[in-house]
C-alpha atoms as a PDB file:
ATOM      1  CA  MET A   1      54.705 -34.701 -11.860  1.00  0.00           C
ATOM      2  CA  GLU A   2      52.216 -35.335  -9.063  1.00  0.00           C
ATOM      3  CA  ASP A   3      52.932 -31.908  -7.570  1.00  0.00           C
ATOM      4  CA  LEU A   4      52.278 -30.290 -10.949  1.00  0.00           C
ATOM      5  CA  ASP A   5      48.864 -31.985 -11.223  1.00  0.00           C
ATOM      6  CA  TYR A   6      48.055 -30.965  -7.679  1.00  0.00           C
ATOM      7  CA  ILE A   7      49.006 -27.316  -8.346  1.00  0.00           C
ATOM      8  CA  GLU A   8      47.034 -27.270 -11.595  1.00  0.00           C
ATOM      9  CA  MET A   9      43.993 -28.779  -9.883  1.00  0.00           C
ATOM     10  CA  ARG A  10      44.263 -26.204  -7.107  1.00  0.00           C
ATOM     11  CA  GLN A  11      44.370 -23.379  -9.628  1.00  0.00           C
ATOM     12  CA  GLN A  12      41.289 -24.762 -11.380  1.00  0.00           C
ATOM     13  CA  MET A  13      39.457 -24.980  -8.050  1.00  0.00           C
ATOM     14  CA  ALA A  14      40.367 -21.358  -7.276  1.00  0.00           C
ATOM     15  CA  VAL A  15      39.042 -20.239 -10.691  1.00  0.00           C
ATOM     16  CA  LEU A  16      35.850 -22.240 -10.179  1.00  0.00           C
ATOM     17  CA  LYS A  17      35.359 -20.833  -6.670  1.00  0.00           C
ATOM     18  CA  GLU A  18      35.866 -17.291  -7.953  1.00  0.00           C
ATOM     19  CA  HIS A  19      33.338 -17.927 -10.727  1.00  0.00           C
ATOM     20  CA  LEU A  20      30.773 -19.269  -8.230  1.00  0.00           C
ATOM     21  CA  ASP A  21      31.322 -16.294  -5.900  1.00  0.00           C
ATOM     22  CA  ASN A  22      30.721 -13.903  -8.799  1.00  0.00           C
ATOM     23  CA  GLN A  23      27.586 -15.832  -9.769  1.00  0.00           C
ATOM     24  CA  GLU A  24      26.236 -15.571  -6.206  1.00  0.00           C
ATOM     25  CA  ILE A  25      26.872 -11.818  -6.119  1.00  0.00           C
ATOM     26  CA  VAL A  26      25.054 -11.354  -9.435  1.00  0.00           C
ATOM     27  CA  SER A  27      22.105 -13.398  -8.140  1.00  0.00           C
ATOM     28  CA  ASP A  28      22.017 -11.424  -4.892  1.00  0.00           C
ATOM     29  CA  GLN A  29      22.159  -8.113  -6.736  1.00  0.00           C
ATOM     30  CA  LEU A  30      19.465  -9.266  -9.162  1.00  0.00           C
ATOM     31  CA  LEU A  31      17.259 -10.339  -6.260  1.00  0.00           C
ATOM     32  CA  ARG A  32      17.704  -6.976  -4.576  1.00  0.00           C
ATOM     33  CA  GLU A  33      16.946  -5.109  -7.813  1.00  0.00           C
ATOM     34  CA  VAL A  34      13.742  -7.116  -8.282  1.00  0.00           C
ATOM     35  CA  MET A  35      12.719  -6.396  -4.666  1.00  0.00           C
ATOM     36  CA  LYS A  36      13.372  -2.710  -5.247  1.00  0.00           C
ATOM     37  CA  MET A  37      11.157  -2.819  -8.354  1.00  0.00           C
ATOM     38  CA  LYS A  38       8.336  -4.499  -6.391  1.00  0.00           C
ATOM     39  CA  THR A  39       8.317  -1.674  -3.854  1.00  0.00           C
ATOM     40  CA  LYS A  40       7.261   0.677  -6.643  1.00  0.00           C
ATOM     41  CA  ASP A  41       3.783  -0.892  -6.434  1.00  0.00           C
ATOM     42  CA  ILE A  42       3.776  -0.307  -2.686  1.00  0.00           C
ATOM     43  CA  ASN A  43       4.927   3.301  -3.051  1.00  0.00           C
ATOM     44  CA  TYR A  44       2.423   3.926  -5.845  1.00  0.00           C
ATOM     45  CA  THR A  45      -0.383   2.828  -3.525  1.00  0.00           C
ATOM     46  CA  LYS A  46       0.839   5.177  -0.797  1.00  0.00           C
ATOM     47  CA  ASN A  47       1.084   8.097  -3.202  1.00  0.00           C
ATOM     48  CA  ALA A  48      -2.401   7.413  -4.589  1.00  0.00           C
ATOM     49  CA  VAL A  49      -3.963   7.352  -1.111  1.00  0.00           C
ATOM     50  CA  ILE A  50      -2.215  10.510   0.038  1.00  0.00           C
ATOM     51  CA  GLY A  51      -3.018  12.226  -3.284  1.00  0.00           C
ATOM     52  CA  ALA A  52      -6.698  11.313  -2.944  1.00  0.00           C
ATOM     53  CA  ALA A  53      -6.721  12.635   0.621  1.00  0.00           C
ATOM     54  CA  VAL A  54      -5.162  15.948  -0.421  1.00  0.00           C
ATOM     55  CA  PHE A  55      -7.631  16.237  -3.313  1.00  0.00           C
ATOM     56  CA  GLY A  56     -10.507  15.465  -0.942  1.00  0.00           C
ATOM     57  CA  LEU A  57      -9.288  17.994   1.597  1.00  0.00           C
ATOM     58  CA  LEU A  58      -9.414  20.634  -1.136  1.00  0.00           C
ATOM     59  CA  ILE A  59     -12.781  19.631  -2.642  1.00  0.00           C
ATOM     60  CA  ILE A  60     -14.914  18.624   0.367  1.00  0.00           C
ATOM     61  CA  PRO A  61     -14.873  22.071   2.035  1.00  0.00           C
ATOM     62  CA  LEU A  62     -15.846  23.637  -1.312  1.00  0.00           C
ATOM     63  CA  SER A  63     -18.886  21.373  -1.541  1.00  0.00           C
ATOM     64  CA  MET A  64     -20.131  22.935   1.678  1.00  0.00           C
ATOM     65  CA  LEU A  65     -20.657  26.169  -0.247  1.00  0.00           C
ATOM     66  CA  LEU A  66     -23.255  24.335  -2.327  1.00  0.00           C
ATOM     67  CA  ASP A  67     -25.127  23.142   0.788  1.00  0.00           C
ATOM     68  CA  VAL A  68     -24.534  19.494  -0.041  1.00  0.00           C
ATOM     69  CA  TRP A  69     -23.242  18.553   3.399  1.00  0.00           C
ATOM     70  CA  SER A  70     -23.464  20.011   6.878  1.00  0.00           C
ATOM     71  CA  LEU A  71     -20.493  21.600   8.617  1.00  0.00           C
ATOM     72  CA  PRO A  72     -20.081  18.737  11.149  1.00  0.00           C
ATOM     73  CA  PHE A  73     -20.112  16.165   8.337  1.00  0.00           C
ATOM     74  CA  THR A  74     -17.544  18.166   6.356  1.00  0.00           C
ATOM     75  CA  ILE A  75     -15.260  18.464   9.390  1.00  0.00           C
ATOM     76  CA  ALA A  76     -15.630  14.751  10.200  1.00  0.00           C
ATOM     77  CA  THR A  77     -14.863  13.825   6.584  1.00  0.00           C
ATOM     78  CA  CYS A  78     -11.763  16.017   6.521  1.00  0.00           C
ATOM     79  CA  LEU A  79     -10.551  14.581   9.841  1.00  0.00           C
ATOM     80  CA  MET A  80     -11.112  11.050   8.552  1.00  0.00           C
ATOM     81  CA  MET A  81      -9.088  11.835   5.415  1.00  0.00           C
ATOM     82  CA  VAL A  82      -6.238  13.284   7.464  1.00  0.00           C
ATOM     83  CA  PHE A  83      -6.295  10.222   9.738  1.00  0.00           C
ATOM     84  CA  CYS A  84      -6.210   7.852   6.744  1.00  0.00           C
ATOM     85  CA  ALA A  85      -3.360   9.762   5.071  1.00  0.00           C
ATOM     86  CA  VAL A  86      -1.293   9.799   8.282  1.00  0.00           C
ATOM     87  CA  ALA A  87      -1.972   6.101   8.914  1.00  0.00           C
ATOM     88  CA  THR A  88      -0.985   5.254   5.337  1.00  0.00           C
ATOM     89  CA  TYR A  89       2.243   7.209   5.711  1.00  0.00           C
ATOM     90  CA  TRP A  90       2.949   5.486   9.047  1.00  0.00           C
ATOM     91  CA  ILE A  91       2.379   1.998   7.581  1.00  0.00           C
ATOM     92  CA  HIS A  92       4.595   2.725   4.559  1.00  0.00           C
ATOM     93  CA  ARG A  93       7.416   4.497   6.407  1.00  0.00           C
ATOM     94  CA  PRO A  94       9.454   1.370   7.332  1.00  0.00           C
ATOM     95  CA  VAL A  95       9.302   0.158   3.713  1.00  0.00           C
ATOM     96  CA  GLU A  96      10.535   3.533   2.454  1.00  0.00           C
ATOM     97  CA  GLN A  97      13.440   3.460   4.892  1.00  0.00           C
ATOM     98  CA  LEU A  98      14.720   0.117   3.588  1.00  0.00           C
ATOM     99  CA  ASN A  99      17.848   0.169   1.471  1.00  0.00           C
ATOM    100  CA  PHE A 100      17.415  -3.012  -0.540  1.00  0.00           C
ATOM    101  CA  MET A 101      21.020  -3.007  -1.706  1.00  0.00           C
ATOM    102  CA  THR A 102      22.569  -3.062   1.774  1.00  0.00           C
ATOM    103  CA  THR A 103      19.921  -4.220   4.273  1.00  0.00           C
ATOM    104  CA  ASP A 104      20.129  -7.893   5.191  1.00  0.00           C
ATOM    105  CA  LEU A 105      17.349 -10.101   3.857  1.00  0.00           C
ATOM    106  CA  ALA A 106      16.076 -11.045   7.329  1.00  0.00           C
ATOM    107  CA  THR A 107      15.346  -7.381   8.076  1.00  0.00           C
ATOM    108  CA  VAL A 108      13.676  -6.917   4.686  1.00  0.00           C
ATOM    109  CA  ALA A 109      11.502  -9.979   5.339  1.00  0.00           C
ATOM    110  CA  ARG A 110      10.535  -8.722   8.803  1.00  0.00           C
ATOM    111  CA  VAL A 111       9.614  -5.255   7.488  1.00  0.00           C
ATOM    112  CA  MET A 112       7.585  -6.706   4.604  1.00  0.00           C
ATOM    113  CA  ALA A 113       5.745  -9.142   6.881  1.00  0.00           C
ATOM    114  CA  THR A 114       4.897  -6.300   9.281  1.00  0.00           C
ATOM    115  CA  PHE A 115       3.766  -4.092   6.393  1.00  0.00           C
ATOM    116  CA  LYS A 116       1.544  -6.857   5.021  1.00  0.00           C
ATOM    117  CA  LYS A 117       0.048  -7.513   8.472  1.00  0.00           C
ATOM    118  CA  HIS A 118      -0.712  -3.817   9.051  1.00  0.00           C
ATOM    119  CA  TYR A 119      -2.244  -3.464   5.597  1.00  0.00           C
ATOM    120  CA  ASP A 120      -4.464  -6.510   6.103  1.00  0.00           C
ATOM    121  CA  ASN A 121      -5.509  -5.294   9.564  1.00  0.00           C
ATOM    122  CA  TRP A 122      -6.395  -1.919   8.047  1.00  0.00           C
ATOM    123  CA  LEU A 123      -8.648  -3.574   5.461  1.00  0.00           C
ATOM    124  CA  HIS A 124     -10.393  -5.939   7.867  1.00  0.00           C
ATOM    125  CA  TYR A 125     -10.781  -3.800  10.977  1.00  0.00           C
ATOM    126  CA  VAL A 126     -10.120  -0.085  10.535  1.00  0.00           C
ATOM    127  CA  ALA A 127     -11.739   0.519   7.144  1.00  0.00           C
ATOM    128  CA  PRO A 128     -15.119  -0.952   8.146  1.00  0.00           C
ATOM    129  CA  ALA A 129     -15.017   0.847  11.510  1.00  0.00           C
ATOM    130  CA  LEU A 130     -14.522   4.161   9.690  1.00  0.00           C
ATOM    131  CA  LEU A 131     -16.571   3.650   6.561  1.00  0.00           C
ATOM    132  CA  ILE A 132     -19.811   2.126   7.862  1.00  0.00           C
ATOM    133  CA  PRO A 133     -20.645   5.050  10.192  1.00  0.00           C
ATOM    134  CA  TRP A 134     -19.400   7.580   7.615  1.00  0.00           C
ATOM    135  CA  LEU A 135     -21.512   6.071   4.814  1.00  0.00           C
ATOM    136  CA  SER A 136     -24.562   5.946   7.069  1.00  0.00           C
ATOM    137  CA  TRP A 137     -24.084   9.610   7.930  1.00  0.00           C
ATOM    138  CA  ALA A 138     -23.548  10.497   4.237  1.00  0.00           C
ATOM    139  CA  CYS A 139     -26.759   8.710   3.277  1.00  0.00           C
ATOM    140  CA  TYR A 140     -28.634  10.598   5.997  1.00  0.00           C
ATOM    141  CA  GLU A 141     -27.168  13.922   4.851  1.00  0.00           C
ATOM    142  CA  MET A 142     -27.851  13.298   1.169  1.00  0.00           C
ATOM    143  CA  GLY A 143     -31.150  11.458   1.434  1.00  0.00           C
ATOM    144  CA  TRP A 144     -33.008  13.210   4.223  1.00  0.00           C
ATOM    145  CA  LYS A 145     -31.304  16.278   5.550  1.00  0.00           C
ATOM    146  CA  PHE A 146     -30.394  18.071   2.314  1.00  0.00           C
ATOM    147  CA  ALA A 147     -32.724  16.375  -0.164  1.00  0.00           C
ATOM    148  CA  PRO A 148     -34.932  18.686  -2.249  1.00  0.00           C
ATOM    149  CA  GLU A 149     -38.574  18.697  -1.196  1.00  0.00           C
ATOM    150  CA  GLY A 150     -40.690  16.058  -2.821  1.00  0.00           C
ATOM    151  CA  SER A 151     -37.752  13.850  -3.763  1.00  0.00           C
ATOM    152  CA  ASN A 152     -37.508  10.248  -2.737  1.00  0.00           C
ATOM    153  CA  PRO A 153     -34.778   9.968  -0.060  1.00  0.00           C
ATOM    154  CA  TRP A 154     -33.938   6.442  -1.154  1.00  0.00           C
ATOM    155  CA  LEU A 155     -33.075   7.703  -4.623  1.00  0.00           C
ATOM    156  CA  MET A 156     -31.104  10.632  -3.236  1.00  0.00           C
ATOM    157  CA  PHE A 157     -28.547   8.511  -1.455  1.00  0.00           C
ATOM    158  CA  LEU A 158     -28.096   6.222  -4.448  1.00  0.00           C
ATOM    159  CA  PRO A 159     -25.095   8.323  -5.622  1.00  0.00           C
ATOM    160  CA  VAL A 160     -23.461   7.781  -2.219  1.00  0.00           C
ATOM    161  CA  ILE A 161     -23.887   4.009  -2.532  1.00  0.00           C
ATOM    162  CA  ILE A 162     -22.609   3.961  -6.133  1.00  0.00           C
ATOM    163  CA  GLY A 163     -19.632   6.142  -5.186  1.00  0.00           C
ATOM    164  CA  ALA A 164     -18.898   3.907  -2.208  1.00  0.00           C
ATOM    165  CA  ALA A 165     -18.992   0.800  -4.412  1.00  0.00           C
ATOM    166  CA  ILE A 166     -16.621   2.352  -6.954  1.00  0.00           C
ATOM    167  CA  GLY A 167     -14.337   3.589  -4.175  1.00  0.00           C
ATOM    168  CA  ALA A 168     -14.337   0.156  -2.555  1.00  0.00           C
ATOM    169  CA  MET A 169     -13.360  -1.537  -5.814  1.00  0.00           C
ATOM    170  CA  VAL A 170     -10.550   0.927  -6.513  1.00  0.00           C
ATOM    171  CA  GLY A 171      -9.332   0.798  -2.914  1.00  0.00           C
ATOM    172  CA  TYR A 172      -9.389  -2.996  -2.847  1.00  0.00           C
ATOM    173  CA  ARG A 173      -7.420  -3.101  -6.097  1.00  0.00           C
ATOM    174  CA  TYR A 174      -4.721  -0.853  -4.635  1.00  0.00           C
ATOM    175  CA  HIS A 175      -4.740  -2.872  -1.422  1.00  0.00           C
ATOM    176  CA  CYS A 176      -4.223  -6.127  -3.320  1.00  0.00           C
ATOM    177  CA  LYS A 177      -1.487  -4.577  -5.441  1.00  0.00           C
ATOM    178  CA  ALA A 178       0.492  -3.501  -2.365  1.00  0.00           C
ATOM    179  CA  VAL A 179      -0.049  -6.728  -0.425  1.00  0.00           C
ATOM    180  CA  ASN A 180       0.832  -8.871  -3.450  1.00  0.00           C
ATOM    181  CA  ALA A 181       4.048  -6.884  -3.971  1.00  0.00           C
ATOM    182  CA  ALA A 182       5.014  -7.430  -0.318  1.00  0.00           C
ATOM    183  CA  GLN A 183       4.158 -11.136  -0.589  1.00  0.00           C
ATOM    184  CA  SER A 184       6.213 -11.413  -3.768  1.00  0.00           C
ATOM    185  CA  ILE A 185       9.227  -9.945  -1.986  1.00  0.00           C
ATOM    186  CA  LEU A 186       8.713 -12.376   0.913  1.00  0.00           C
ATOM    187  CA  ASP A 187       8.472 -15.307  -1.536  1.00  0.00           C
ATOM    188  CA  GLN A 188      11.689 -14.275  -3.271  1.00  0.00           C
ATOM    189  CA  ILE A 189      13.517 -14.026   0.045  1.00  0.00           C
ATOM    190  CA  GLU A 190      12.154 -17.433   1.051  1.00  0.00           C
ATOM    191  CA  GLU A 191      13.499 -18.986  -2.160  1.00  0.00           C
ATOM    192  CA  VAL A 192      17.005 -17.856  -1.251  1.00  0.00           C
END
C-alpha cells in the first residue's frame, strides 16, 4: 500500500513538473515576443531618420537651383545628412542582428544597454556639435547672404529657427520612443 502511494505521488510530481516547465516556456516565449514587438519602435525610428536623410539628399540640391543656399552650404548639408544616416544605421545594426527567439537574455540586455547609451550620447554630444554650427551657417545664408535687398535679416532667418524648433521636437520624440523601447526591454529582462 505504501509503495502504491509513493508511486502515485511520484506520478503527480512528474505531471506537476511538466506543467511548470510548459508554463515557463510559454512565459519565455511571451517575453521574447513582447521584446520583438518593442523593437518595432526602434526600427521605425531608424527608418524615419534614414528616410528623412534620403528625402533631404534629393531636395537640398534642388533648392540650390533657386539660389536659396550656397554651394558649400549645400554640400555640407548633404554630407551631414549622409553622416547622420550612416551613424543611425551603425547604432541600430546590433539591434537588427538580434534574434529574440534564440539569443540569450544576457546578450539582448547588453545590446539594448549599448544601443541606449549610444543613442543618449548622440543626443547629448553629437547632435549639438553638428546642429549649432549648421544652424548658425543656415541663419547667415538665409538672413544675410541671400536675403532680398531691403529685408530685415532677423526676419529672414525666422523660418530657419521655426524649422529647427519643429525638427528638434520631432527628433526628440523619435529619440524618446527608441530609448523608451530599449529601456522597456531591459526592464522586462530584469524582471525575469
